[in-house]
């Protein structure tokens, strides 16, 4: 992740993360997200929060399967904290 910010207004900042694939999402106002058209296979779902770090969890998606997950992030349960 690359952070960019305003040198005048501390609250004005953003993050850039370049991916080599189209399988990513940003949560909506309620904290939910959806990633469509993921081919069947075994993957690692990586979630990231600017304060609470990164969490990884393996997932398996079958043919024609829709997978619903609940991802809980907190400062004490993630592998990296910023």
N, C-alpha and C. Protein backbone atom coordinates (compact mmCIF):
# COMPACT_ATOMS: atom_id res chain seq x y z
N UNK A 1 0.84 -1.17 0.00
CA UNK A 1 0.00 0.00 0.00
C UNK A 1 0.88 1.24 0.00
N UNK A 2 0.49 2.20 -0.79
CA UNK A 2 1.20 3.47 -0.83
C UNK A 2 0.23 4.54 -0.36
N UNK A 3 0.63 5.29 0.66
CA UNK A 3 -0.21 6.35 1.18
C UNK A 3 0.17 7.68 0.53
N UNK A 4 -0.83 8.47 0.20
CA UNK A 4 -0.57 9.84 -0.22
C UNK A 4 -1.44 10.74 0.65
N UNK A 5 -0.94 11.93 0.97
CA UNK A 5 -1.67 12.82 1.87
C UNK A 5 -1.36 14.27 1.58
N UNK A 6 -2.21 15.11 2.11
CA UNK A 6 -2.06 16.55 1.98
C UNK A 6 -1.14 17.04 3.09
N UNK A 7 -0.18 17.87 2.74
CA UNK A 7 0.73 18.42 3.74
C UNK A 7 0.10 19.54 4.56
N UNK A 8 -1.04 20.03 4.13
CA UNK A 8 -1.71 21.11 4.84
C UNK A 8 -2.84 20.60 5.73
N UNK A 9 -3.62 19.66 5.21
CA UNK A 9 -4.78 19.13 5.93
C UNK A 9 -4.52 17.67 6.31
N UNK A 10 -4.26 17.43 7.57
CA UNK A 10 -3.87 16.10 8.05
C UNK A 10 -4.90 15.01 7.72
N UNK A 11 -6.19 15.35 7.71
CA UNK A 11 -7.24 14.37 7.49
C UNK A 11 -7.41 13.99 6.02
N UNK A 12 -6.76 14.70 5.14
CA UNK A 12 -6.89 14.42 3.71
C UNK A 12 -5.80 13.43 3.29
N UNK A 13 -6.19 12.18 3.12
CA UNK A 13 -5.23 11.16 2.70
C UNK A 13 -5.93 10.05 1.94
N UNK A 14 -5.17 9.25 1.24
CA UNK A 14 -5.70 8.13 0.48
C UNK A 14 -4.64 7.06 0.36
N UNK A 15 -5.04 5.93 -0.23
CA UNK A 15 -4.13 4.79 -0.38
C UNK A 15 -4.20 4.29 -1.81
N UNK A 16 -3.08 3.81 -2.33
CA UNK A 16 -3.01 3.22 -3.66
C UNK A 16 -2.46 1.81 -3.52
N UNK A 17 -3.13 0.86 -4.17
CA UNK A 17 -2.65 -0.52 -4.21
C UNK A 17 -2.91 -1.06 -5.61
N UNK A 18 -1.86 -1.31 -6.35
CA UNK A 18 -1.98 -1.81 -7.72
C UNK A 18 -2.06 -3.33 -7.69
N UNK A 19 -3.06 -3.89 -8.35
CA UNK A 19 -3.26 -5.34 -8.39
C UNK A 19 -3.03 -5.85 -9.82
N UNK A 20 -2.60 -7.10 -9.93
CA UNK A 20 -2.39 -7.73 -11.23
C UNK A 20 -3.61 -8.51 -11.69
N UNK A 21 -4.72 -8.38 -10.98
CA UNK A 21 -5.94 -9.12 -11.31
C UNK A 21 -7.16 -8.25 -10.95
N UNK A 22 -8.35 -8.63 -11.42
CA UNK A 22 -9.55 -7.82 -11.16
C UNK A 22 -10.32 -8.23 -9.89
N UNK A 23 -9.77 -9.06 -9.05
CA UNK A 23 -10.50 -9.62 -7.91
C UNK A 23 -10.18 -8.86 -6.63
N UNK A 24 -10.85 -7.73 -6.46
CA UNK A 24 -10.67 -6.91 -5.26
C UNK A 24 -11.96 -6.13 -5.03
N UNK A 25 -12.10 -5.57 -3.86
CA UNK A 25 -13.28 -4.77 -3.54
C UNK A 25 -12.95 -3.80 -2.41
N UNK A 26 -13.74 -2.76 -2.33
CA UNK A 26 -13.72 -1.82 -1.21
C UNK A 26 -15.07 -1.92 -0.54
N UNK A 27 -15.09 -1.90 0.77
CA UNK A 27 -16.36 -2.03 1.48
C UNK A 27 -17.25 -0.81 1.25
N UNK A 28 -18.56 -1.05 1.37
CA UNK A 28 -19.50 0.06 1.27
C UNK A 28 -19.69 0.68 2.66
N UNK A 29 -20.66 1.57 2.80
CA UNK A 29 -20.87 2.27 4.07
C UNK A 29 -21.23 1.33 5.21
N UNK A 30 -21.81 0.17 4.89
CA UNK A 30 -22.18 -0.79 5.94
C UNK A 30 -21.08 -1.81 6.22
N UNK A 31 -19.97 -1.72 5.48
CA UNK A 31 -18.86 -2.64 5.71
C UNK A 31 -18.92 -3.92 4.90
N UNK A 32 -19.84 -4.02 3.95
CA UNK A 32 -19.95 -5.23 3.13
C UNK A 32 -19.25 -5.03 1.79
N UNK A 33 -18.90 -6.15 1.16
CA UNK A 33 -18.27 -6.10 -0.16
C UNK A 33 -18.66 -7.33 -0.95
N UNK A 34 -18.44 -7.29 -2.25
CA UNK A 34 -18.74 -8.41 -3.14
C UNK A 34 -17.68 -8.46 -4.23
N UNK A 35 -17.20 -9.66 -4.52
CA UNK A 35 -16.26 -9.87 -5.61
C UNK A 35 -16.91 -10.89 -6.54
N UNK A 36 -17.23 -10.47 -7.74
CA UNK A 36 -17.96 -11.33 -8.68
C UNK A 36 -17.03 -12.06 -9.64
N UNK A 37 -17.55 -13.16 -10.21
CA UNK A 37 -16.91 -13.91 -11.29
C UNK A 37 -15.53 -14.47 -10.94
N UNK A 38 -15.35 -14.90 -9.70
CA UNK A 38 -14.09 -15.53 -9.31
C UNK A 38 -14.12 -16.98 -9.79
N UNK A 39 -13.14 -17.42 -10.56
CA UNK A 39 -13.13 -18.80 -11.04
C UNK A 39 -13.01 -19.80 -9.88
N UNK A 40 -13.50 -21.02 -10.06
CA UNK A 40 -13.34 -22.04 -9.02
C UNK A 40 -11.86 -22.24 -8.69
N UNK A 41 -11.59 -22.49 -7.42
CA UNK A 41 -10.21 -22.71 -7.02
C UNK A 41 -9.98 -22.43 -5.55
N UNK A 42 -8.74 -22.54 -5.14
CA UNK A 42 -8.32 -22.26 -3.77
C UNK A 42 -7.58 -20.93 -3.77
N UNK A 43 -7.97 -20.05 -2.86
CA UNK A 43 -7.42 -18.70 -2.82
C UNK A 43 -7.10 -18.31 -1.38
N UNK A 44 -6.42 -17.19 -1.24
CA UNK A 44 -6.24 -16.56 0.05
C UNK A 44 -6.92 -15.20 -0.02
N UNK A 45 -7.93 -15.01 0.82
CA UNK A 45 -8.61 -13.72 0.91
C UNK A 45 -7.78 -12.84 1.85
N UNK A 46 -7.36 -11.69 1.35
CA UNK A 46 -6.56 -10.77 2.13
C UNK A 46 -7.39 -9.51 2.37
N UNK A 47 -7.60 -9.18 3.64
CA UNK A 47 -8.29 -7.94 3.99
C UNK A 47 -7.30 -7.01 4.66
N UNK A 48 -7.48 -5.71 4.44
CA UNK A 48 -6.54 -4.73 4.97
C UNK A 48 -7.30 -3.53 5.51
N UNK A 49 -6.83 -3.02 6.63
CA UNK A 49 -7.38 -1.81 7.24
C UNK A 49 -6.22 -0.91 7.61
N UNK A 50 -6.36 0.39 7.39
CA UNK A 50 -5.24 1.30 7.61
C UNK A 50 -4.77 1.34 9.06
N UNK A 51 -5.62 1.06 10.02
CA UNK A 51 -5.22 1.03 11.43
C UNK A 51 -5.01 -0.38 11.96
N UNK A 52 -5.78 -1.34 11.46
CA UNK A 52 -5.80 -2.67 12.05
C UNK A 52 -5.00 -3.70 11.27
N UNK A 53 -4.36 -3.30 10.19
CA UNK A 53 -3.44 -4.19 9.50
C UNK A 53 -4.09 -5.14 8.51
N UNK A 54 -3.44 -6.28 8.34
CA UNK A 54 -3.80 -7.26 7.31
C UNK A 54 -4.24 -8.56 7.94
N UNK A 55 -5.25 -9.17 7.35
CA UNK A 55 -5.71 -10.49 7.78
C UNK A 55 -5.84 -11.36 6.54
N UNK A 56 -5.35 -12.60 6.62
CA UNK A 56 -5.41 -13.54 5.50
C UNK A 56 -6.21 -14.77 5.92
N UNK A 57 -7.05 -15.26 5.02
CA UNK A 57 -7.76 -16.50 5.30
C UNK A 57 -7.94 -17.28 4.01
N UNK A 58 -7.66 -18.60 4.07
CA UNK A 58 -7.82 -19.43 2.88
C UNK A 58 -9.31 -19.64 2.59
N UNK A 59 -9.65 -19.67 1.30
CA UNK A 59 -11.02 -19.97 0.89
C UNK A 59 -10.98 -20.90 -0.31
N UNK A 60 -12.02 -21.69 -0.46
CA UNK A 60 -12.17 -22.58 -1.61
C UNK A 60 -13.51 -22.25 -2.26
N UNK A 61 -13.48 -22.01 -3.56
CA UNK A 61 -14.70 -21.69 -4.30
C UNK A 61 -14.94 -22.79 -5.32
N UNK A 62 -16.12 -23.40 -5.23
CA UNK A 62 -16.49 -24.46 -6.16
C UNK A 62 -17.18 -23.89 -7.39
N UNK A 63 -17.39 -24.73 -8.39
CA UNK A 63 -18.06 -24.32 -9.63
C UNK A 63 -19.48 -23.86 -9.32
N UNK A 64 -19.81 -22.65 -9.77
CA UNK A 64 -21.16 -22.11 -9.57
C UNK A 64 -21.48 -21.76 -8.13
N UNK A 65 -20.51 -21.77 -7.25
CA UNK A 65 -20.75 -21.52 -5.84
C UNK A 65 -20.68 -20.03 -5.51
N UNK A 66 -21.60 -19.60 -4.65
CA UNK A 66 -21.53 -18.26 -4.07
C UNK A 66 -21.13 -18.43 -2.61
N UNK A 67 -20.11 -17.75 -2.21
CA UNK A 67 -19.54 -17.92 -0.88
C UNK A 67 -19.80 -16.67 -0.06
N UNK A 68 -20.38 -16.83 1.13
CA UNK A 68 -20.61 -15.71 2.04
C UNK A 68 -19.67 -15.87 3.23
N UNK A 69 -18.92 -14.83 3.53
CA UNK A 69 -17.97 -14.86 4.64
C UNK A 69 -18.21 -13.68 5.55
N UNK A 70 -17.87 -13.84 6.81
CA UNK A 70 -17.83 -12.71 7.73
C UNK A 70 -16.38 -12.52 8.13
N UNK A 71 -15.86 -11.34 7.89
CA UNK A 71 -14.48 -11.03 8.21
C UNK A 71 -14.50 -10.01 9.34
N UNK A 72 -13.89 -10.36 10.45
CA UNK A 72 -13.84 -9.44 11.60
C UNK A 72 -12.41 -8.96 11.78
N UNK A 73 -12.23 -7.66 11.77
CA UNK A 73 -10.91 -7.07 11.98
C UNK A 73 -10.89 -6.35 13.31
N UNK A 74 -9.80 -6.48 14.00
CA UNK A 74 -9.58 -5.75 15.24
C UNK A 74 -8.08 -5.61 15.45
N UNK A 75 -7.65 -4.65 16.25
CA UNK A 75 -6.20 -4.44 16.43
C UNK A 75 -5.47 -5.66 16.98
N UNK A 76 -6.14 -6.50 17.75
CA UNK A 76 -5.46 -7.62 18.40
C UNK A 76 -5.42 -8.89 17.58
N UNK A 77 -6.14 -8.98 16.46
CA UNK A 77 -6.23 -10.25 15.73
C UNK A 77 -5.56 -10.24 14.38
N UNK A 78 -4.90 -9.19 13.99
CA UNK A 78 -4.33 -9.10 12.67
C UNK A 78 -2.81 -9.26 12.68
N UNK A 79 -2.28 -9.67 11.55
CA UNK A 79 -0.86 -10.01 11.49
C UNK A 79 0.06 -8.79 11.44
N UNK A 80 -0.44 -7.65 10.94
CA UNK A 80 0.38 -6.44 10.93
C UNK A 80 -0.48 -5.27 11.36
N UNK A 81 0.04 -4.44 12.18
CA UNK A 81 -0.65 -3.23 12.61
C UNK A 81 0.17 -2.02 12.23
N UNK A 82 -0.52 -0.94 11.89
CA UNK A 82 0.18 0.30 11.54
C UNK A 82 -0.11 1.35 12.56
